[in-house]
């Protein structure tokens, strides 16, 4: 009877840990022999700040100990203002919010080469941040997704490179849809070590026909016309 009660208690403790708030991420990632130590959540060089149009700042604890290439890519793009003004698409309730695509349809990326897969032991728990990719394992580039609820069937199939440790309420408020009717945007993305300004809300909507400049971008410039590709680009997304 005592053994049974202990097993039940262990199961309850595991369930609580699995669904715990993202701020408790450091509790899950205990040191294990043979693993590189995780970056400290207090290390500003490995904190990504996402200012969302849902009303606040999201802090992502980056994990270069398990995904150094993807962490470096995201920090590089943030410092280039690549993510500023981009929208989240697709956003699936109970699953994930995906961003980092300049096209806003799941097929875009940066001009930098794709990143080799860095599958690791970090789980797809609530608040986990992972690299979106196409069918090819080494096709991650700029897109990422934030998990709303645990999806452990995706573990070791996508590169988890961080976790939300503050501001998850602003992630929960991201507009759902494929595509959303009123997409949530990343107003600005920063690396905390760069001492960014405090969160500032998006400017009020302008009247129809008024030119709009998104935060961190310059005047609009017409893009050069390119030949149509032989086939449509692959969408980068995590499969349920």
C-alpha atoms as a PDB file:
ATOM      1  CA  UNK A   1       0.000   0.000   0.000  1.00  0.00           C
ATOM      2  CA  UNK A   2       2.845   2.380   0.901  1.00  0.00           C
ATOM      3  CA  UNK A   3       4.601   1.572  -2.402  1.00  0.00           C
ATOM      4  CA  UNK A   4       1.387   2.276  -4.335  1.00  0.00           C
ATOM      5  CA  UNK A   5       0.949   5.629  -2.593  1.00  0.00           C
ATOM      6  CA  UNK A   6       4.540   6.581  -3.420  1.00  0.00           C
ATOM      7  CA  UNK A   7       3.995   5.748  -7.089  1.00  0.00           C
ATOM      8  CA  UNK A   8       0.830   7.854  -7.189  1.00  0.00           C
ATOM      9  CA  UNK A   9       2.664  10.745  -5.542  1.00  0.00           C
ATOM     10  CA  UNK A  10       5.479  10.484  -8.097  1.00  0.00           C
ATOM     11  CA  UNK A  11       2.976  10.516 -10.964  1.00  0.00           C
ATOM     12  CA  UNK A  12       1.240  13.600  -9.558  1.00  0.00           C
ATOM     13  CA  UNK A  13       4.588  15.372  -9.128  1.00  0.00           C
ATOM     14  CA  UNK A  14       5.564  14.573 -12.734  1.00  0.00           C
ATOM     15  CA  UNK A  15       2.232  15.874 -14.058  1.00  0.00           C
ATOM     16  CA  UNK A  16       2.594  19.118 -12.110  1.00  0.00           C
ATOM     17  CA  UNK A  17       6.136  19.622 -13.432  1.00  0.00           C
ATOM     18  CA  UNK A  18       5.015  18.953 -17.006  1.00  0.00           C
ATOM     19  CA  UNK A  19       2.316  21.606 -16.950  1.00  0.00           C
ATOM     20  CA  UNK A  20       4.210  24.053 -14.744  1.00  0.00           C
ATOM     21  CA  UNK A  21       4.517  27.702 -15.754  1.00  0.00           C
ATOM     22  CA  UNK A  22       7.418  28.503 -18.104  1.00  0.00           C
ATOM     23  CA  UNK A  23       9.124  30.492 -15.354  1.00  0.00           C
ATOM     24  CA  UNK A  24       9.947  27.167 -13.697  1.00  0.00           C
ATOM     25  CA  UNK A  25      12.006  25.995 -16.697  1.00  0.00           C
ATOM     26  CA  UNK A  26      15.226  26.011 -14.704  1.00  0.00           C
ATOM     27  CA  UNK A  27      13.685  23.450 -12.317  1.00  0.00           C
ATOM     28  CA  UNK A  28      13.278  20.962 -15.168  1.00  0.00           C
ATOM     29  CA  UNK A  29      16.790  21.426 -16.564  1.00  0.00           C
ATOM     30  CA  UNK A  30      18.828  19.985 -13.693  1.00  0.00           C
ATOM     31  CA  UNK A  31      22.550  19.320 -14.377  1.00  0.00           C
ATOM     32  CA  UNK A  32      23.152  15.856 -15.801  1.00  0.00           C
ATOM     33  CA  UNK A  33      26.511  14.149 -16.171  1.00  0.00           C
ATOM     34  CA  UNK A  34      27.923  14.517 -19.688  1.00  0.00           C
ATOM     35  CA  UNK A  35      25.772  17.514 -20.629  1.00  0.00           C
ATOM     36  CA  UNK A  36      27.069  21.025 -21.166  1.00  0.00           C
ATOM     37  CA  UNK A  37      25.845  23.426 -18.473  1.00  0.00           C
ATOM     38  CA  UNK A  38      22.894  25.581 -19.463  1.00  0.00           C
ATOM     39  CA  UNK A  39      23.307  29.326 -19.813  1.00  0.00           C
ATOM     40  CA  UNK A  40      22.132  31.165 -16.727  1.00  0.00           C
ATOM     41  CA  UNK A  41      18.654  32.737 -17.049  1.00  0.00           C
ATOM     42  CA  UNK A  42      20.369  35.869 -15.701  1.00  0.00           C
ATOM     43  CA  UNK A  43      22.828  35.983 -18.636  1.00  0.00           C
ATOM     44  CA  UNK A  44      21.490  38.844 -20.771  1.00  0.00           C
ATOM     45  CA  UNK A  45      23.437  37.650 -23.822  1.00  0.00           C
ATOM     46  CA  UNK A  46      21.133  34.636 -23.915  1.00  0.00           C
ATOM     47  CA  UNK A  47      17.810  36.358 -23.302  1.00  0.00           C
ATOM     48  CA  UNK A  48      15.688  37.198 -26.349  1.00  0.00           C
ATOM     49  CA  UNK A  49      13.088  39.920 -25.796  1.00  0.00           C
ATOM     50  CA  UNK A  50      10.018  39.976 -28.020  1.00  0.00           C
ATOM     51  CA  UNK A  51       7.785  43.046 -27.756  1.00  0.00           C
ATOM     52  CA  UNK A  52       4.371  41.896 -28.966  1.00  0.00           C
ATOM     53  CA  UNK A  53       1.382  43.870 -30.165  1.00  0.00           C
ATOM     54  CA  UNK A  54      -0.689  41.948 -27.600  1.00  0.00           C
ATOM     55  CA  UNK A  55       0.534  44.405 -24.975  1.00  0.00           C
ATOM     56  CA  UNK A  56       3.850  43.426 -23.467  1.00  0.00           C
ATOM     57  CA  UNK A  57       7.328  41.960 -23.561  1.00  0.00           C
ATOM     58  CA  UNK A  58       8.103  38.241 -23.739  1.00  0.00           C
ATOM     59  CA  UNK A  59      11.438  36.993 -22.407  1.00  0.00           C
ATOM     60  CA  UNK A  60      12.874  33.847 -23.987  1.00  0.00           C
ATOM     61  CA  UNK A  61      15.716  32.033 -22.239  1.00  0.00           C
ATOM     62  CA  UNK A  62      18.003  30.849 -25.041  1.00  0.00           C
ATOM     63  CA  UNK A  63      19.911  27.559 -24.783  1.00  0.00           C
ATOM     64  CA  UNK A  64      23.230  27.656 -26.670  1.00  0.00           C
ATOM     65  CA  UNK A  65      24.315  24.574 -24.712  1.00  0.00           C
ATOM     66  CA  UNK A  66      21.987  22.408 -26.833  1.00  0.00           C
ATOM     67  CA  UNK A  67      21.352  24.493 -29.975  1.00  0.00           C
ATOM     68  CA  UNK A  68      24.278  26.910 -30.476  1.00  0.00           C
ATOM     69  CA  UNK A  69      23.716  27.405 -34.213  1.00  0.00           C
ATOM     70  CA  UNK A  70      20.021  28.252 -33.932  1.00  0.00           C
ATOM     71  CA  UNK A  71      20.576  30.497 -30.932  1.00  0.00           C
ATOM     72  CA  UNK A  72      23.266  32.395 -32.818  1.00  0.00           C
ATOM     73  CA  UNK A  73      20.982  32.707 -35.857  1.00  0.00           C
ATOM     74  CA  UNK A  74      18.084  34.145 -33.851  1.00  0.00           C
ATOM     75  CA  UNK A  75      20.345  36.624 -32.050  1.00  0.00           C
ATOM     76  CA  UNK A  76      21.941  37.697 -35.334  1.00  0.00           C
ATOM     77  CA  UNK A  77      18.547  38.320 -36.954  1.00  0.00           C
ATOM     78  CA  UNK A  78      17.220  40.152 -33.903  1.00  0.00           C
ATOM     79  CA  UNK A  79      20.227  42.468 -33.961  1.00  0.00           C
ATOM     80  CA  UNK A  80      19.638  43.111 -37.662  1.00  0.00           C
ATOM     81  CA  UNK A  81      16.015  44.136 -36.858  1.00  0.00           C
ATOM     82  CA  UNK A  82      14.845  41.260 -39.087  1.00  0.00           C
ATOM     83  CA  UNK A  83      11.938  40.284 -36.843  1.00  0.00           C
ATOM     84  CA  UNK A  84      10.609  43.792 -36.228  1.00  0.00           C
ATOM     85  CA  UNK A  85       7.081  44.194 -37.600  1.00  0.00           C
ATOM     86  CA  UNK A  86       6.600  40.531 -38.520  1.00  0.00           C
ATOM     87  CA  UNK A  87       3.331  38.739 -37.816  1.00  0.00           C
ATOM     88  CA  UNK A  88       2.557  35.370 -36.256  1.00  0.00           C
ATOM     89  CA  UNK A  89       1.183  32.835 -38.730  1.00  0.00           C
ATOM     90  CA  UNK A  90      -0.069  30.173 -38.418  1.00  0.00           C
ATOM     91  CA  UNK A  91      -1.416  30.237 -34.858  1.00  0.00           C
ATOM     92  CA  UNK A  92      -3.199  27.055 -33.743  1.00  0.00           C
ATOM     93  CA  UNK A  93      -5.069  27.048 -30.445  1.00  0.00           C
ATOM     94  CA  UNK A  94      -3.758  24.407 -28.043  1.00  0.00           C
ATOM     95  CA  UNK A  95      -0.650  23.899 -30.162  1.00  0.00           C
ATOM     96  CA  UNK A  96       1.637  26.769 -31.181  1.00  0.00           C
ATOM     97  CA  UNK A  97       2.160  30.300 -32.490  1.00  0.00           C
ATOM     98  CA  UNK A  98       4.633  30.508 -35.365  1.00  0.00           C
ATOM     99  CA  UNK A  99       6.575  33.609 -36.400  1.00  0.00           C
ATOM    100  CA  UNK A 100       9.807  34.730 -38.017  1.00  0.00           C
ATOM    101  CA  UNK A 101       8.577  34.664 -41.631  1.00  0.00           C
ATOM    102  CA  UNK A 102       8.911  37.944 -43.566  1.00  0.00           C
ATOM    103  CA  UNK A 103       6.314  36.681 -46.072  1.00  0.00           C
ATOM    104  CA  UNK A 104       3.799  35.929 -43.341  1.00  0.00           C
ATOM    105  CA  UNK A 105       2.590  32.707 -44.972  1.00  0.00           C
ATOM    106  CA  UNK A 106       5.015  30.074 -43.655  1.00  0.00           C
ATOM    107  CA  UNK A 107       7.251  29.919 -46.754  1.00  0.00           C
ATOM    108  CA  UNK A 108       9.729  32.737 -46.095  1.00  0.00           C
ATOM    109  CA  UNK A 109      13.087  33.071 -44.403  1.00  0.00           C
ATOM    110  CA  UNK A 110      16.201  35.194 -44.179  1.00  0.00           C
ATOM    111  CA  UNK A 111      18.923  35.522 -46.798  1.00  0.00           C
ATOM    112  CA  UNK A 112      21.252  33.511 -44.549  1.00  0.00           C
ATOM    113  CA  UNK A 113      21.879  29.785 -45.165  1.00  0.00           C
ATOM    114  CA  UNK A 114      19.625  27.219 -43.514  1.00  0.00           C
ATOM    115  CA  UNK A 115      20.700  25.902 -40.132  1.00  0.00           C
ATOM    116  CA  UNK A 116      21.640  22.282 -39.525  1.00  0.00           C
ATOM    117  CA  UNK A 117      19.267  20.434 -37.198  1.00  0.00           C
ATOM    118  CA  UNK A 118      20.218  20.402 -33.520  1.00  0.00           C
ATOM    119  CA  UNK A 119      17.695  17.962 -32.080  1.00  0.00           C
ATOM    120  CA  UNK A 120      18.175  17.657 -28.331  1.00  0.00           C
ATOM    121  CA  UNK A 121      16.629  16.545 -25.055  1.00  0.00           C
ATOM    122  CA  UNK A 122      14.612  19.712 -24.340  1.00  0.00           C
ATOM    123  CA  UNK A 123      10.882  18.846 -24.368  1.00  0.00           C
ATOM    124  CA  UNK A 124       8.011  20.550 -26.157  1.00  0.00           C
ATOM    125  CA  UNK A 125       6.399  21.771 -22.941  1.00  0.00           C
ATOM    126  CA  UNK A 126       4.348  24.927 -22.506  1.00  0.00           C
ATOM    127  CA  UNK A 127       6.459  27.941 -23.464  1.00  0.00           C
ATOM    128  CA  UNK A 128       9.086  25.939 -25.365  1.00  0.00           C
ATOM    129  CA  UNK A 129      10.537  27.800 -28.371  1.00  0.00           C
ATOM    130  CA  UNK A 130      11.672  25.727 -31.350  1.00  0.00           C
ATOM    131  CA  UNK A 131      12.833  26.169 -34.937  1.00  0.00           C
ATOM    132  CA  UNK A 132      10.228  25.617 -37.648  1.00  0.00           C
ATOM    133  CA  UNK A 133      11.388  23.704 -40.712  1.00  0.00           C
ATOM    134  CA  UNK A 134      10.185  22.101 -43.932  1.00  0.00           C
ATOM    135  CA  UNK A 135      10.326  18.332 -44.532  1.00  0.00           C
ATOM    136  CA  UNK A 136      14.145  18.355 -44.682  1.00  0.00           C
ATOM    137  CA  UNK A 137      15.629  18.169 -41.202  1.00  0.00           C
ATOM    138  CA  UNK A 138      18.289  20.792 -41.977  1.00  0.00           C
ATOM    139  CA  UNK A 139      15.883  23.401 -43.396  1.00  0.00           C
ATOM    140  CA  UNK A 140      15.413  25.670 -40.341  1.00  0.00           C
ATOM    141  CA  UNK A 141      16.266  29.301 -41.058  1.00  0.00           C
ATOM    142  CA  UNK A 142      14.507  32.212 -39.332  1.00  0.00           C
ATOM    143  CA  UNK A 143      11.094  30.839 -38.392  1.00  0.00           C
ATOM    144  CA  UNK A 144      10.283  29.675 -34.881  1.00  0.00           C
ATOM    145  CA  UNK A 145       7.245  28.642 -32.882  1.00  0.00           C
ATOM    146  CA  UNK A 146       6.157  28.942 -29.248  1.00  0.00           C
ATOM    147  CA  UNK A 147       4.228  26.036 -27.741  1.00  0.00           C
ATOM    148  CA  UNK A 148       0.912  26.785 -25.986  1.00  0.00           C
ATOM    149  CA  UNK A 149       0.459  23.302 -24.500  1.00  0.00           C
ATOM    150  CA  UNK A 150       2.780  20.258 -24.247  1.00  0.00           C
ATOM    151  CA  UNK A 151       3.367  18.383 -27.527  1.00  0.00           C
ATOM    152  CA  UNK A 152       5.888  15.758 -26.481  1.00  0.00           C
ATOM    153  CA  UNK A 153       5.387  13.774 -29.702  1.00  0.00           C
ATOM    154  CA  UNK A 154       7.498  16.471 -31.416  1.00  0.00           C
ATOM    155  CA  UNK A 155      10.503  15.938 -29.139  1.00  0.00           C
ATOM    156  CA  UNK A 156      13.800  15.290 -30.983  1.00  0.00           C
ATOM    157  CA  UNK A 157      12.106  16.004 -34.330  1.00  0.00           C
ATOM    158  CA  UNK A 158      12.505  19.800 -34.145  1.00  0.00           C
ATOM    159  CA  UNK A 159      15.230  21.957 -32.618  1.00  0.00           C
ATOM    160  CA  UNK A 160      14.085  23.346 -29.272  1.00  0.00           C
ATOM    161  CA  UNK A 161      16.400  26.279 -28.536  1.00  0.00           C
ATOM    162  CA  UNK A 162      14.723  28.182 -25.709  1.00  0.00           C
ATOM    163  CA  UNK A 163      11.767  28.695 -23.430  1.00  0.00           C
ATOM    164  CA  UNK A 164       9.565  31.599 -22.377  1.00  0.00           C
ATOM    165  CA  UNK A 165      10.374  32.544 -18.765  1.00  0.00           C
ATOM    166  CA  UNK A 166       8.362  35.757 -18.585  1.00  0.00           C
ATOM    167  CA  UNK A 167       5.402  37.288 -20.424  1.00  0.00           C
ATOM    168  CA  UNK A 168       3.662  34.051 -21.419  1.00  0.00           C
ATOM    169  CA  UNK A 169       0.340  35.859 -20.984  1.00  0.00           C
ATOM    170  CA  UNK A 170       1.204  37.930 -24.063  1.00  0.00           C
ATOM    171  CA  UNK A 171       1.897  34.728 -26.011  1.00  0.00           C
ATOM    172  CA  UNK A 172      -1.451  33.296 -24.889  1.00  0.00           C
ATOM    173  CA  UNK A 173      -3.130  36.445 -26.264  1.00  0.00           C
ATOM    174  CA  UNK A 174      -1.708  35.989 -29.802  1.00  0.00           C
ATOM    175  CA  UNK A 175      -4.531  36.028 -32.368  1.00  0.00           C
ATOM    176  CA  UNK A 176      -5.411  32.521 -33.581  1.00  0.00           C
ATOM    177  CA  UNK A 177      -5.942  31.580 -37.207  1.00  0.00           C
ATOM    178  CA  UNK A 178      -4.408  30.207 -40.417  1.00  0.00           C
ATOM    179  CA  UNK A 179      -4.090  33.074 -41.165  1.00  0.00           C
ATOM    180  CA  UNK A 180      -5.421  35.184 -38.273  1.00  0.00           C
ATOM    181  CA  UNK A 181      -7.914  37.866 -39.256  1.00  0.00           C
ATOM    182  CA  UNK A 182      -6.020  40.439 -37.190  1.00  0.00           C
ATOM    183  CA  UNK A 183      -2.470  39.051 -36.882  1.00  0.00           C
ATOM    184  CA  UNK A 184      -0.398  39.698 -33.786  1.00  0.00           C
ATOM    185  CA  UNK A 185       2.969  41.263 -34.602  1.00  0.00           C
ATOM    186  CA  UNK A 186       6.453  41.361 -33.150  1.00  0.00           C
ATOM    187  CA  UNK A 187       6.864  45.091 -32.702  1.00  0.00           C
ATOM    188  CA  UNK A 188      10.537  44.758 -31.843  1.00  0.00           C
ATOM    189  CA  UNK A 189      12.984  41.938 -31.022  1.00  0.00           C
ATOM    190  CA  UNK A 190      16.079  42.527 -28.907  1.00  0.00           C
ATOM    191  CA  UNK A 191      18.917  40.691 -27.218  1.00  0.00           C
ATOM    192  CA  UNK A 192      18.774  41.791 -23.576  1.00  0.00           C
ATOM    193  CA  UNK A 193      22.543  42.409 -23.470  1.00  0.00           C
ATOM    194  CA  UNK A 194      22.076  45.274 -25.929  1.00  0.00           C
ATOM    195  CA  UNK A 195      20.201  47.276 -23.248  1.00  0.00           C
ATOM    196  CA  UNK A 196      17.021  47.883 -25.291  1.00  0.00           C
ATOM    197  CA  UNK A 197      14.476  50.546 -24.345  1.00  0.00           C
ATOM    198  CA  UNK A 198      11.423  49.610 -22.304  1.00  0.00           C
ATOM    199  CA  UNK A 199       8.398  48.120 -24.034  1.00  0.00           C
ATOM    200  CA  UNK A 200       6.419  50.619 -26.076  1.00  0.00           C
ATOM    201  CA  UNK A 201       2.974  49.857 -27.455  1.00  0.00           C
ATOM    202  CA  UNK A 202       2.243  49.988 -31.174  1.00  0.00           C
ATOM    203  CA  UNK A 203       1.175  53.398 -32.510  1.00  0.00           C
ATOM    204  CA  UNK A 204      -2.578  53.850 -33.030  1.00  0.00           C
ATOM    205  CA  UNK A 205      -4.053  52.706 -36.322  1.00  0.00           C
ATOM    206  CA  UNK A 206      -3.906  55.267 -39.123  1.00  0.00           C
ATOM    207  CA  UNK A 207      -6.621  56.214 -41.582  1.00  0.00           C
ATOM    208  CA  UNK A 208      -6.885  54.213 -44.830  1.00  0.00           C
ATOM    209  CA  UNK A 209      -4.372  55.345 -47.416  1.00  0.00           C
ATOM    210  CA  UNK A 210      -1.900  56.734 -44.869  1.00  0.00           C
ATOM    211  CA  UNK A 211       1.671  55.390 -45.325  1.00  0.00           C
ATOM    212  CA  UNK A 212       2.796  53.238 -42.382  1.00  0.00           C
ATOM    213  CA  UNK A 213       6.363  52.532 -41.287  1.00  0.00           C
ATOM    214  CA  UNK A 214       6.721  49.560 -38.954  1.00  0.00           C
ATOM    215  CA  UNK A 215       9.105  49.791 -35.984  1.00  0.00           C
ATOM    216  CA  UNK A 216      12.723  49.339 -36.999  1.00  0.00           C
ATOM    217  CA  UNK A 217      12.087  49.611 -40.725  1.00  0.00           C
ATOM    218  CA  UNK A 218      12.806  52.379 -43.186  1.00  0.00           C
ATOM    219  CA  UNK A 219      10.725  53.825 -46.018  1.00  0.00           C
ATOM    220  CA  UNK A 220       9.033  51.361 -48.312  1.00  0.00           C
ATOM    221  CA  UNK A 221      11.055  50.378 -51.375  1.00  0.00           C
ATOM    222  CA  UNK A 222       9.638  48.468 -54.316  1.00  0.00           C
ATOM    223  CA  UNK A 223      11.091  44.956 -54.449  1.00  0.00           C
ATOM    224  CA  UNK A 224      12.722  43.831 -57.719  1.00  0.00           C
ATOM    225  CA  UNK A 225      10.606  41.504 -59.818  1.00  0.00           C
ATOM    226  CA  UNK A 226      11.817  37.908 -59.751  1.00  0.00           C
ATOM    227  CA  UNK A 227      11.045  35.015 -62.030  1.00  0.00           C
ATOM    228  CA  UNK A 228       8.371  32.687 -60.665  1.00  0.00           C
ATOM    229  CA  UNK A 229       9.865  29.590 -58.972  1.00  0.00           C
ATOM    230  CA  UNK A 230       9.421  26.203 -60.581  1.00  0.00           C
ATOM    231  CA  UNK A 231       7.327  25.109 -57.599  1.00  0.00           C
ATOM    232  CA  UNK A 232       5.882  26.741 -54.533  1.00  0.00           C
ATOM    233  CA  UNK A 233       8.271  27.026 -51.560  1.00  0.00           C
ATOM    234  CA  UNK A 234       7.758  24.482 -48.809  1.00  0.00           C
ATOM    235  CA  UNK A 235       5.952  25.688 -45.736  1.00  0.00           C
ATOM    236  CA  UNK A 236       7.934  25.443 -42.532  1.00  0.00           C
ATOM    237  CA  UNK A 237       5.877  24.197 -39.637  1.00  0.00           C
ATOM    238  CA  UNK A 238       5.754  21.679 -36.838  1.00  0.00           C
ATOM    239  CA  UNK A 239       3.436  18.759 -37.597  1.00  0.00           C
ATOM    240  CA  UNK A 240       0.935  17.815 -34.945  1.00  0.00           C
END
